[in-house]
Protein backbone atom coordinates (compact mmCIF):
# COMPACT_ATOMS: atom_id res chain seq x y z
CA GLY A 1 -147.19 -4.37 50.93
CA ARG A 2 -149.23 -4.65 47.63
CA ASN A 3 -150.17 -8.28 47.70
CA TRP A 4 -153.76 -7.56 48.86
CA GLU A 5 -154.18 -5.56 45.52
CA GLY A 6 -153.49 -8.70 43.38
CA PHE A 7 -155.69 -11.65 42.55
CA GLY A 8 -153.07 -14.34 43.00
CA ALA A 9 -150.19 -15.99 41.36
CA ASP A 10 -152.01 -17.60 38.36
CA PRO A 11 -151.65 -15.47 35.33
CA PHE A 12 -154.88 -16.63 33.69
CA LEU A 13 -156.98 -16.16 36.74
CA THR A 14 -155.40 -12.76 37.49
CA GLY A 15 -156.19 -11.54 34.03
CA GLU A 16 -159.88 -12.79 34.23
CA SER A 17 -160.30 -11.26 37.68
CA ALA A 18 -158.81 -7.94 36.69
CA TYR A 19 -161.03 -7.87 33.59
CA LYS A 20 -164.27 -8.49 35.47
CA THR A 21 -163.21 -5.99 38.16
CA ILE A 22 -162.67 -3.19 35.73
CA LEU A 23 -165.87 -4.02 33.85
CA GLY A 24 -167.75 -3.97 37.19
CA LEU A 25 -166.28 -0.60 38.17
CA GLN A 26 -167.01 0.93 34.79
CA ASN A 27 -170.62 -0.37 34.66
CA GLY A 28 -171.01 1.50 37.97
CA GLY A 29 -169.95 4.74 36.35
CA VAL A 30 -166.38 4.72 37.90
CA GLN A 31 -163.19 5.08 35.96
CA ALA A 32 -160.85 2.07 36.44
CA THR A 33 -157.19 1.82 35.74
CA ALA A 34 -154.68 -1.01 36.34
CA GLU A 35 -151.52 0.33 37.86
CA HIS A 36 -148.61 -1.12 39.86
CA PHE A 37 -149.32 -4.45 38.21
CA ILE A 38 -146.01 -5.97 37.19
CA ASN A 39 -143.31 -7.02 39.73
CA TYR A 40 -144.97 -5.00 42.46
CA GLU A 41 -145.37 -7.55 45.01
CA GLN A 42 -142.42 -7.38 47.24
CA GLU A 43 -143.45 -6.89 50.90
CA HIS A 44 -140.35 -6.73 52.91
CA PHE A 45 -137.25 -4.53 52.53
CA PRO A 46 -138.31 -3.21 49.09
CA THR A 47 -135.26 -0.85 49.02
CA LEU A 48 -132.73 -3.47 50.09
CA GLU A 49 -133.67 -6.29 47.71
CA SER A 50 -133.91 -6.57 43.90
CA SER A 51 -136.91 -7.83 42.09
CA ASN A 52 -135.24 -8.09 38.69
CA VAL A 53 -136.99 -10.49 36.35
CA ASP A 54 -135.67 -11.70 32.98
CA ASP A 55 -137.65 -10.85 29.88
CA GLN A 56 -139.05 -14.23 29.11
CA THR A 57 -140.51 -14.62 32.60
CA GLN A 58 -141.79 -10.96 32.53
CA TYR A 59 -143.73 -11.55 29.28
CA GLU A 60 -144.96 -15.15 30.04
CA ILE A 61 -145.96 -14.81 33.59
CA TYR A 62 -146.24 -11.11 34.92
CA ALA A 63 -147.38 -9.26 31.83
CA HIS A 64 -149.73 -12.07 30.55
CA PRO A 65 -152.84 -10.97 32.51
CA PHE A 66 -152.59 -7.41 31.08
């Protein structure tokens, strides 16, 4: 699963954590990118279940940190 790559469920804290992590990597001379960041948290049976999210939820919760 990909849950270990995230910073939690809170959109604000996730955004702050991602920002600080990317700054830290870049200050160390490493190129940093954010990938697999939206709706990429399904652990079990990813090919058998759907993780469709409506537009409002997508923008207000999942995309907010980025």
